[in-house]
Amino acid sequence: MPTTSEYVNILYFASLGEQLGVSEERLALHKTTNIGQLKNQLYARSANWRKLLSDTTLNCAVNHSLCDDHLELQANDEVAFFPAVTGG
């Protein structure tokens, strides 16, 4: 079982969190997990998770810095998923 230091904290902001029914969670980190692999792990939960997290306008930040799917995660990282902001 992973120790406390082998987790990432995930935040789901705005309408994404509302549609998923969760605003944050702590998830066990596998040794070679990058953002793309994390998304695949979350996609497996349901078709709704896959649909919402595969949206091409969805942003991802790790420790407050925007990133892409190739970024390798480290223990205790904060991962945030949030929809693109639009103006009018």
N, C-alpha and C. Protein backbone atom coordinates (compact mmCIF):
# COMPACT_ATOMS: atom_id res chain seq x y z
N MET A 1 0.84 -1.18 0.00
CA MET A 1 0.00 0.00 0.00
C MET A 1 0.89 1.25 0.00
N PRO A 2 0.53 2.29 -0.80
CA PRO A 2 1.35 3.50 -0.85
C PRO A 2 1.39 4.21 0.50
N THR A 3 2.52 4.83 0.76
CA THR A 3 2.63 5.65 1.96
C THR A 3 2.05 7.03 1.67
N THR A 4 1.93 7.85 2.68
CA THR A 4 1.35 9.19 2.53
C THR A 4 2.07 9.99 1.45
N SER A 5 3.37 9.81 1.30
CA SER A 5 4.13 10.61 0.34
C SER A 5 3.97 10.13 -1.10
N GLU A 6 3.23 9.06 -1.33
CA GLU A 6 3.07 8.52 -2.68
C GLU A 6 1.70 8.83 -3.26
N TYR A 7 1.22 10.02 -2.98
CA TYR A 7 -0.09 10.44 -3.47
C TYR A 7 0.03 11.76 -4.21
N VAL A 8 -0.96 12.03 -5.05
CA VAL A 8 -1.13 13.36 -5.64
C VAL A 8 -2.50 13.86 -5.22
N ASN A 9 -2.62 15.15 -5.10
CA ASN A 9 -3.89 15.78 -4.78
C ASN A 9 -4.46 16.34 -6.07
N ILE A 10 -5.70 15.99 -6.36
CA ILE A 10 -6.33 16.41 -7.62
C ILE A 10 -7.50 17.33 -7.30
N LEU A 11 -7.55 18.45 -8.01
CA LEU A 11 -8.62 19.43 -7.86
C LEU A 11 -9.38 19.52 -9.18
N TYR A 12 -10.70 19.59 -9.09
CA TYR A 12 -11.56 19.73 -10.27
C TYR A 12 -12.34 21.03 -10.09
N PHE A 13 -12.08 22.02 -10.93
CA PHE A 13 -12.65 23.34 -10.75
C PHE A 13 -13.88 23.60 -11.62
N ALA A 14 -14.69 24.54 -11.16
CA ALA A 14 -15.83 25.10 -11.88
C ALA A 14 -16.80 24.02 -12.33
N SER A 15 -17.30 24.15 -13.55
CA SER A 15 -18.34 23.23 -14.03
C SER A 15 -17.83 21.79 -14.11
N LEU A 16 -16.54 21.60 -14.28
CA LEU A 16 -15.98 20.24 -14.33
C LEU A 16 -16.25 19.52 -13.01
N GLY A 17 -15.94 20.15 -11.91
CA GLY A 17 -16.19 19.55 -10.60
C GLY A 17 -17.67 19.29 -10.36
N GLU A 18 -18.50 20.23 -10.81
CA GLU A 18 -19.95 20.05 -10.65
C GLU A 18 -20.43 18.84 -11.44
N GLN A 19 -19.96 18.69 -12.67
CA GLN A 19 -20.42 17.59 -13.53
C GLN A 19 -19.86 16.24 -13.07
N LEU A 20 -18.68 16.23 -12.48
CA LEU A 20 -18.10 14.99 -11.99
C LEU A 20 -18.63 14.63 -10.59
N GLY A 21 -19.13 15.63 -9.88
CA GLY A 21 -19.65 15.39 -8.54
C GLY A 21 -18.57 15.32 -7.49
N VAL A 22 -17.39 15.85 -7.80
CA VAL A 22 -16.28 15.86 -6.84
C VAL A 22 -15.42 17.10 -7.12
N SER A 23 -14.98 17.77 -6.07
CA SER A 23 -14.14 18.95 -6.27
C SER A 23 -12.67 18.67 -6.00
N GLU A 24 -12.39 17.63 -5.22
CA GLU A 24 -11.00 17.26 -4.97
C GLU A 24 -10.92 15.83 -4.47
N GLU A 25 -9.73 15.25 -4.63
CA GLU A 25 -9.48 13.90 -4.13
C GLU A 25 -7.98 13.68 -4.02
N ARG A 26 -7.63 12.66 -3.28
CA ARG A 26 -6.23 12.25 -3.14
C ARG A 26 -6.12 10.87 -3.77
N LEU A 27 -5.17 10.71 -4.68
CA LEU A 27 -5.07 9.47 -5.44
C LEU A 27 -3.66 8.91 -5.35
N ALA A 28 -3.56 7.59 -5.22
CA ALA A 28 -2.26 6.93 -5.15
C ALA A 28 -1.49 7.18 -6.45
N LEU A 29 -0.22 7.46 -6.31
CA LEU A 29 0.66 7.74 -7.44
C LEU A 29 1.47 6.50 -7.77
N HIS A 30 1.40 6.09 -9.03
CA HIS A 30 2.21 4.96 -9.49
C HIS A 30 3.59 5.48 -9.87
N LYS A 31 4.59 4.65 -9.82
CA LYS A 31 5.98 5.09 -10.01
C LYS A 31 6.23 5.86 -11.30
N THR A 32 5.61 5.48 -12.40
CA THR A 32 5.86 6.16 -13.68
C THR A 32 4.60 6.80 -14.22
N THR A 33 3.97 7.62 -13.43
CA THR A 33 2.73 8.25 -13.85
C THR A 33 2.99 9.65 -14.38
N ASN A 34 2.50 9.90 -15.58
CA ASN A 34 2.49 11.26 -16.11
C ASN A 34 1.02 11.69 -16.21
N ILE A 35 0.78 12.91 -16.62
CA ILE A 35 -0.58 13.43 -16.69
C ILE A 35 -1.45 12.57 -17.62
N GLY A 36 -0.93 12.16 -18.76
CA GLY A 36 -1.69 11.32 -19.68
C GLY A 36 -2.10 10.00 -19.04
N GLN A 37 -1.19 9.39 -18.30
CA GLN A 37 -1.50 8.13 -17.62
C GLN A 37 -2.51 8.35 -16.49
N LEU A 38 -2.39 9.47 -15.81
CA LEU A 38 -3.36 9.80 -14.77
C LEU A 38 -4.75 9.95 -15.39
N LYS A 39 -4.84 10.67 -16.51
CA LYS A 39 -6.13 10.82 -17.18
C LYS A 39 -6.70 9.47 -17.57
N ASN A 40 -5.86 8.57 -18.09
CA ASN A 40 -6.35 7.24 -18.46
C ASN A 40 -6.91 6.50 -17.25
N GLN A 41 -6.26 6.66 -16.11
CA GLN A 41 -6.74 6.04 -14.88
C GLN A 41 -8.11 6.61 -14.50
N LEU A 42 -8.28 7.91 -14.67
CA LEU A 42 -9.56 8.54 -14.35
C LEU A 42 -10.63 8.21 -15.38
N TYR A 43 -10.24 8.09 -16.67
CA TYR A 43 -11.19 7.72 -17.73
C TYR A 43 -11.87 6.40 -17.42
N ALA A 44 -11.14 5.49 -16.80
CA ALA A 44 -11.67 4.14 -16.54
C ALA A 44 -12.85 4.15 -15.57
N ARG A 45 -13.08 5.25 -14.90
CA ARG A 45 -14.18 5.32 -13.93
C ARG A 45 -15.55 5.24 -14.60
N SER A 46 -15.71 5.94 -15.72
CA SER A 46 -16.99 5.91 -16.43
C SER A 46 -16.87 6.67 -17.74
N ALA A 47 -17.87 6.49 -18.59
CA ALA A 47 -17.91 7.21 -19.86
C ALA A 47 -17.99 8.73 -19.63
N ASN A 48 -18.68 9.14 -18.57
CA ASN A 48 -18.78 10.56 -18.26
C ASN A 48 -17.42 11.15 -17.90
N TRP A 49 -16.64 10.44 -17.09
CA TRP A 49 -15.29 10.91 -16.75
C TRP A 49 -14.45 11.03 -18.01
N ARG A 50 -14.53 10.03 -18.88
CA ARG A 50 -13.76 10.06 -20.14
C ARG A 50 -14.16 11.27 -20.98
N LYS A 51 -15.45 11.47 -21.12
CA LYS A 51 -15.95 12.59 -21.94
C LYS A 51 -15.47 13.93 -21.39
N LEU A 52 -15.63 14.13 -20.09
CA LEU A 52 -15.30 15.42 -19.51
C LEU A 52 -13.79 15.68 -19.46
N LEU A 53 -13.00 14.67 -19.15
CA LEU A 53 -11.55 14.88 -19.03
C LEU A 53 -10.82 14.82 -20.36
N SER A 54 -11.48 14.36 -21.42
CA SER A 54 -10.83 14.34 -22.73
C SER A 54 -11.19 15.57 -23.57
N ASP A 55 -11.97 16.47 -23.01
CA ASP A 55 -12.32 17.71 -23.69
C ASP A 55 -11.04 18.47 -24.04
N THR A 56 -10.88 18.81 -25.30
CA THR A 56 -9.65 19.47 -25.75
C THR A 56 -9.49 20.89 -25.20
N THR A 57 -10.56 21.47 -24.66
CA THR A 57 -10.45 22.82 -24.09
C THR A 57 -10.15 22.78 -22.59
N LEU A 58 -10.04 21.58 -22.03
CA LEU A 58 -9.74 21.44 -20.61
C LEU A 58 -8.27 21.76 -20.35
N ASN A 59 -8.02 22.53 -19.32
CA ASN A 59 -6.65 22.87 -18.93
C ASN A 59 -6.22 22.00 -17.76
N CYS A 60 -4.90 21.83 -17.65
CA CYS A 60 -4.33 21.09 -16.53
C CYS A 60 -3.12 21.87 -16.02
N ALA A 61 -3.03 21.96 -14.71
CA ALA A 61 -1.87 22.60 -14.08
C ALA A 61 -1.35 21.69 -12.98
N VAL A 62 -0.06 21.66 -12.83
CA VAL A 62 0.57 20.93 -11.74
C VAL A 62 1.36 21.94 -10.92
N ASN A 63 1.02 22.00 -9.65
CA ASN A 63 1.66 22.96 -8.75
C ASN A 63 1.59 24.39 -9.30
N HIS A 64 0.42 24.74 -9.82
CA HIS A 64 0.09 26.08 -10.30
C HIS A 64 0.75 26.46 -11.63
N SER A 65 1.30 25.49 -12.36
CA SER A 65 1.89 25.76 -13.67
C SER A 65 1.20 24.91 -14.72
N LEU A 66 0.75 25.55 -15.80
CA LEU A 66 0.10 24.80 -16.88
C LEU A 66 1.05 23.74 -17.41
N CYS A 67 0.49 22.60 -17.81
CA CYS A 67 1.32 21.51 -18.30
C CYS A 67 0.60 20.73 -19.38
N ASP A 68 1.33 19.79 -19.99
CA ASP A 68 0.72 18.90 -20.98
C ASP A 68 0.71 17.48 -20.43
N ASP A 69 0.24 16.55 -21.24
CA ASP A 69 0.06 15.17 -20.80
C ASP A 69 1.37 14.43 -20.54
N HIS A 70 2.50 14.98 -20.95
CA HIS A 70 3.79 14.29 -20.81
C HIS A 70 4.50 14.58 -19.48
N LEU A 71 4.00 15.54 -18.73
CA LEU A 71 4.66 15.91 -17.48
C LEU A 71 4.60 14.75 -16.48
N GLU A 72 5.76 14.36 -15.96
CA GLU A 72 5.85 13.30 -14.95
C GLU A 72 5.43 13.86 -13.59
N LEU A 73 4.59 13.12 -12.91
CA LEU A 73 4.12 13.54 -11.60
C LEU A 73 5.06 13.06 -10.50
N GLN A 74 5.15 13.86 -9.46
CA GLN A 74 5.95 13.54 -8.28
C GLN A 74 5.02 13.42 -7.07
N ALA A 75 5.46 12.72 -6.06
CA ALA A 75 4.67 12.59 -4.84
C ALA A 75 4.31 13.97 -4.30
N ASN A 76 3.09 14.10 -3.84
CA ASN A 76 2.55 15.31 -3.24
C ASN A 76 2.28 16.45 -4.22
N ASP A 77 2.37 16.20 -5.53
CA ASP A 77 2.01 17.23 -6.49
C ASP A 77 0.53 17.56 -6.36
N GLU A 78 0.20 18.80 -6.71
CA GLU A 78 -1.20 19.23 -6.80
C GLU A 78 -1.54 19.33 -8.28
N VAL A 79 -2.51 18.54 -8.71
CA VAL A 79 -2.95 18.53 -10.09
C VAL A 79 -4.32 19.20 -10.14
N ALA A 80 -4.48 20.18 -11.01
CA ALA A 80 -5.75 20.87 -11.14
C ALA A 80 -6.24 20.75 -12.58
N PHE A 81 -7.49 20.34 -12.71
CA PHE A 81 -8.16 20.32 -14.01
C PHE A 81 -9.22 21.41 -13.98
N PHE A 82 -9.27 22.21 -15.05
CA PHE A 82 -10.24 23.29 -15.09
C PHE A 82 -10.57 23.66 -16.52
N PRO A 83 -11.84 24.04 -16.75
CA PRO A 83 -12.25 24.41 -18.10
C PRO A 83 -11.60 25.73 -18.51
N ALA A 84 -11.46 25.89 -19.82
CA ALA A 84 -10.91 27.14 -20.35
C ALA A 84 -11.84 28.29 -19.97
N VAL A 85 -11.25 29.43 -19.70
CA VAL A 85 -12.03 30.62 -19.35
C VAL A 85 -12.33 31.37 -20.65
N THR A 86 -13.58 31.76 -20.79
CA THR A 86 -13.94 32.54 -21.97
C THR A 86 -14.46 33.90 -21.53
N GLY A 87 -14.25 34.85 -22.38
CA GLY A 87 -14.70 36.20 -22.07
C GLY A 87 -15.76 36.67 -23.05
N GLY A 88 -16.30 37.80 -22.78
CA GLY A 88 -17.36 38.27 -23.67
C GLY A 88 -17.38 39.75 -23.77
